[in-house]
Amino acid sequence: IEVSVIKSTGSQALNRCAVEALKRWIFRPNFVSRVRVPIAFTL
C-alpha cells in the first residue's frame, strides 16, 4: 500500500505516526482507487 502526506502537521513525528497507522489499515475496495483520509491530531 502506498501512503503519503499531502499536508504536513508541522511535526515529522506526527506525520510518521499517521502514515504508519494508515499502512496497517485493511481496506479492500472492489476497484483500485485513491482515497484521501483526513487525520486530526489533538494534543
PDB file of N, CA and C in Angstrom:
ATOM      1  N   ILE A   1       0.848  -1.174   0.000  1.00  0.00           N
ATOM      2  CA  ILE A   1       0.000   0.000   0.000  1.00  0.00           C
ATOM      3  C   ILE A   1       0.894   1.238   0.000  1.00  0.00           C
ATOM      4  N   GLU A   2       0.484   2.239  -0.754  1.00  0.00           N
ATOM      5  CA  GLU A   2       1.235   3.494  -0.817  1.00  0.00           C
ATOM      6  C   GLU A   2       0.510   4.548   0.003  1.00  0.00           C
ATOM      7  N   VAL A   3       1.197   5.138   0.959  1.00  0.00           N
ATOM      8  CA  VAL A   3       0.634   6.179   1.816  1.00  0.00           C
ATOM      9  C   VAL A   3       1.564   7.376   1.762  1.00  0.00           C
ATOM     10  N   SER A   4       1.003   8.573   1.597  1.00  0.00           N
ATOM     11  CA  SER A   4       1.829   9.775   1.595  1.00  0.00           C
ATOM     12  C   SER A   4       1.118  10.905   2.321  1.00  0.00           C
ATOM     13  N   VAL A   5       1.892  11.860   2.793  1.00  0.00           N
ATOM     14  CA  VAL A   5       1.364  13.031   3.486  1.00  0.00           C
ATOM     15  C   VAL A   5       1.110  14.117   2.449  1.00  0.00           C
ATOM     16  N   ILE A   6      -0.132  14.594   2.372  1.00  0.00           N
ATOM     17  CA  ILE A   6      -0.478  15.664   1.437  1.00  0.00           C
ATOM     18  C   ILE A   6      -0.251  17.021   2.086  1.00  0.00           C
ATOM     19  N   LYS A   7      -0.647  17.146   3.348  1.00  0.00           N
ATOM     20  CA  LYS A   7      -0.466  18.399   4.087  1.00  0.00           C
ATOM     21  C   LYS A   7       0.138  18.053   5.444  1.00  0.00           C
ATOM     22  N   SER A   8       1.320  18.583   5.719  1.00  0.00           N
ATOM     23  CA  SER A   8       2.046  18.258   6.944  1.00  0.00           C
ATOM     24  C   SER A   8       1.382  18.850   8.177  1.00  0.00           C
ATOM     25  N   THR A   9       1.554  18.157   9.295  1.00  0.00           N
ATOM     26  CA  THR A   9       1.092  18.678  10.581  1.00  0.00           C
ATOM     27  C   THR A   9       2.086  19.694  11.124  1.00  0.00           C
ATOM     28  N   GLY A  10       3.266  19.726  10.533  1.00  0.00           N
ATOM     29  CA  GLY A  10       4.338  20.564  11.045  1.00  0.00           C
ATOM     30  C   GLY A  10       5.284  19.770  11.930  1.00  0.00           C
ATOM     31  N   SER A  11       4.910  18.542  12.245  1.00  0.00           N
ATOM     32  CA  SER A  11       5.730  17.671  13.087  1.00  0.00           C
ATOM     33  C   SER A  11       6.036  16.392  12.321  1.00  0.00           C
ATOM     34  N   GLN A  12       7.309  16.124  12.100  1.00  0.00           N
ATOM     35  CA  GLN A  12       7.681  14.897  11.393  1.00  0.00           C
ATOM     36  C   GLN A  12       7.236  13.664  12.155  1.00  0.00           C
ATOM     37  N   ALA A  13       7.274  13.722  13.490  1.00  0.00           N
ATOM     38  CA  ALA A  13       6.872  12.570  14.303  1.00  0.00           C
ATOM     39  C   ALA A  13       5.385  12.268  14.121  1.00  0.00           C
ATOM     40  N   LEU A  14       4.527  13.296  14.144  1.00  0.00           N
ATOM     41  CA  LEU A  14       3.090  13.075  13.953  1.00  0.00           C
ATOM     42  C   LEU A  14       2.793  12.600  12.536  1.00  0.00           C
ATOM     43  N   ASN A  15       3.464  13.180  11.554  1.00  0.00           N
ATOM     44  CA  ASN A  15       3.281  12.738  10.169  1.00  0.00           C
ATOM     45  C   ASN A  15       3.640  11.264  10.031  1.00  0.00           C
ATOM     46  N   ARG A  16       4.770  10.886  10.613  1.00  0.00           N
ATOM     47  CA  ARG A  16       5.238   9.492  10.529  1.00  0.00           C
ATOM     48  C   ARG A  16       4.254   8.545  11.215  1.00  0.00           C
ATOM     49  N   CYS A  17       3.727   8.938  12.380  1.00  0.00           N
ATOM     50  CA  CYS A  17       2.758   8.104  13.099  1.00  0.00           C
ATOM     51  C   CYS A  17       1.481   7.914  12.281  1.00  0.00           C
ATOM     52  N   ALA A  18       1.015   8.985  11.649  1.00  0.00           N
ATOM     53  CA  ALA A  18      -0.194   8.890  10.827  1.00  0.00           C
ATOM     54  C   ALA A  18       0.029   7.950   9.650  1.00  0.00           C
ATOM     55  N   VAL A  19       1.169   8.071   8.987  1.00  0.00           N
ATOM     56  CA  VAL A  19       1.483   7.207   7.845  1.00  0.00           C
ATOM     57  C   VAL A  19       1.561   5.750   8.291  1.00  0.00           C
ATOM     58  N   GLU A  20       2.235   5.480   9.393  1.00  0.00           N
ATOM     59  CA  GLU A  20       2.354   4.107   9.887  1.00  0.00           C
ATOM     60  C   GLU A  20       0.994   3.533  10.278  1.00  0.00           C
ATOM     61  N   ALA A  21       0.131   4.343  10.887  1.00  0.00           N
ATOM     62  CA  ALA A  21      -1.209   3.875  11.264  1.00  0.00           C
ATOM     63  C   ALA A  21      -2.023   3.523  10.022  1.00  0.00           C
ATOM     64  N   LEU A  22      -1.950   4.360   8.996  1.00  0.00           N
ATOM     65  CA  LEU A  22      -2.712   4.092   7.773  1.00  0.00           C
ATOM     66  C   LEU A  22      -2.193   2.866   7.036  1.00  0.00           C
ATOM     67  N   LYS A  23      -0.915   2.601   7.121  1.00  0.00           N
ATOM     68  CA  LYS A  23      -0.357   1.411   6.465  1.00  0.00           C
ATOM     69  C   LYS A  23      -0.899   0.125   7.078  1.00  0.00           C
ATOM     70  N   ARG A  24      -1.348   0.182   8.333  1.00  0.00           N
ATOM     71  CA  ARG A  24      -1.888  -1.008   8.997  1.00  0.00           C
ATOM     72  C   ARG A  24      -3.373  -1.214   8.709  1.00  0.00           C
ATOM     73  N   TRP A  25      -4.032  -0.218   8.116  1.00  0.00           N
ATOM     74  CA  TRP A  25      -5.455  -0.361   7.795  1.00  0.00           C
ATOM     75  C   TRP A  25      -5.647  -1.460   6.765  1.00  0.00           C
ATOM     76  N   ILE A  26      -6.777  -2.125   6.836  1.00  0.00           N
ATOM     77  CA  ILE A  26      -7.149  -3.107   5.821  1.00  0.00           C
ATOM     78  C   ILE A  26      -8.364  -2.550   5.096  1.00  0.00           C
ATOM     79  N   PHE A  27      -8.154  -2.166   3.854  1.00  0.00           N
ATOM     80  CA  PHE A  27      -9.220  -1.591   3.036  1.00  0.00           C
ATOM     81  C   PHE A  27      -9.200  -2.314   1.709  1.00  0.00           C
ATOM     82  N   ARG A  28     -10.262  -3.018   1.411  1.00  0.00           N
ATOM     83  CA  ARG A  28     -10.307  -3.806   0.184  1.00  0.00           C
ATOM     84  C   ARG A  28     -11.495  -3.377  -0.675  1.00  0.00           C
ATOM     85  N   PRO A  29     -11.326  -2.349  -1.489  1.00  0.00           N
ATOM     86  CA  PRO A  29     -12.413  -1.912  -2.358  1.00  0.00           C
ATOM     87  C   PRO A  29     -12.595  -2.889  -3.520  1.00  0.00           C
ATOM     88  N   ASN A  30     -13.712  -2.758  -4.204  1.00  0.00           N
ATOM     89  CA  ASN A  30     -13.973  -3.592  -5.378  1.00  0.00           C
ATOM     90  C   ASN A  30     -13.147  -3.157  -6.577  1.00  0.00           C
ATOM     91  N   PHE A  31     -12.547  -1.975  -6.480  1.00  0.00           N
ATOM     92  CA  PHE A  31     -11.715  -1.475  -7.563  1.00  0.00           C
ATOM     93  C   PHE A  31     -10.572  -0.656  -6.963  1.00  0.00           C
ATOM     94  N   VAL A  32      -9.538  -0.465  -7.745  1.00  0.00           N
ATOM     95  CA  VAL A  32      -8.382   0.297  -7.286  1.00  0.00           C
ATOM     96  C   VAL A  32      -8.677   1.779  -7.447  1.00  0.00           C
ATOM     97  N   SER A  33      -8.439   2.540  -6.393  1.00  0.00           N
ATOM     98  CA  SER A  33      -8.653   3.989  -6.456  1.00  0.00           C
ATOM     99  C   SER A  33      -7.759   4.671  -5.431  1.00  0.00           C
ATOM    100  N   ARG A  34      -7.747   5.973  -5.485  1.00  0.00           N
ATOM    101  CA  ARG A  34      -7.011   6.762  -4.495  1.00  0.00           C
ATOM    102  C   ARG A  34      -8.025   7.407  -3.568  1.00  0.00           C
ATOM    103  N   VAL A  35      -7.742   7.332  -2.272  1.00  0.00           N
ATOM    104  CA  VAL A  35      -8.651   7.883  -1.269  1.00  0.00           C
ATOM    105  C   VAL A  35      -7.849   8.784  -0.345  1.00  0.00           C
ATOM    106  N   ARG A  36      -8.344  10.005  -0.115  1.00  0.00           N
ATOM    107  CA  ARG A  36      -7.718  10.901   0.859  1.00  0.00           C
ATOM    108  C   ARG A  36      -8.417  10.713   2.192  1.00  0.00           C
ATOM    109  N   VAL A  37      -7.628  10.459   3.226  1.00  0.00           N
ATOM    110  CA  VAL A  37      -8.177  10.248   4.563  1.00  0.00           C
ATOM    111  C   VAL A  37      -7.634  11.345   5.474  1.00  0.00           C
ATOM    112  N   PRO A  38      -8.500  12.273   5.909  1.00  0.00           N
ATOM    113  CA  PRO A  38      -8.008  13.328   6.800  1.00  0.00           C
ATOM    114  C   PRO A  38      -7.740  12.777   8.200  1.00  0.00           C
ATOM    115  N   ILE A  39      -6.639  13.204   8.791  1.00  0.00           N
ATOM    116  CA  ILE A  39      -6.274  12.805  10.143  1.00  0.00           C
ATOM    117  C   ILE A  39      -6.187  14.075  10.988  1.00  0.00           C
ATOM    118  N   ALA A  40      -6.917  14.121  12.102  1.00  0.00           N
ATOM    119  CA  ALA A  40      -6.881  15.279  13.000  1.00  0.00           C
ATOM    120  C   ALA A  40      -6.195  14.881  14.301  1.00  0.00           C
ATOM    121  N   PHE A  41      -5.156  15.612  14.678  1.00  0.00           N
ATOM    122  CA  PHE A  41      -4.444  15.368  15.923  1.00  0.00           C
ATOM    123  C   PHE A  41      -4.869  16.396  16.952  1.00  0.00           C
ATOM    124  N   THR A  42      -5.112  15.955  18.170  1.00  0.00           N
ATOM    125  CA  THR A  42      -5.415  16.852  19.279  1.00  0.00           C
ATOM    126  C   THR A  42      -4.434  16.561  20.397  1.00  0.00           C
ATOM    127  N   LEU A  43      -3.728  17.581  20.819  1.00  0.00           N
ATOM    128  CA  LEU A  43      -2.752  17.411  21.897  1.00  0.00           C
ATOM    129  C   LEU A  43      -3.261  18.063  23.152  1.00  0.00           C
TER     130      LEU A  43
END
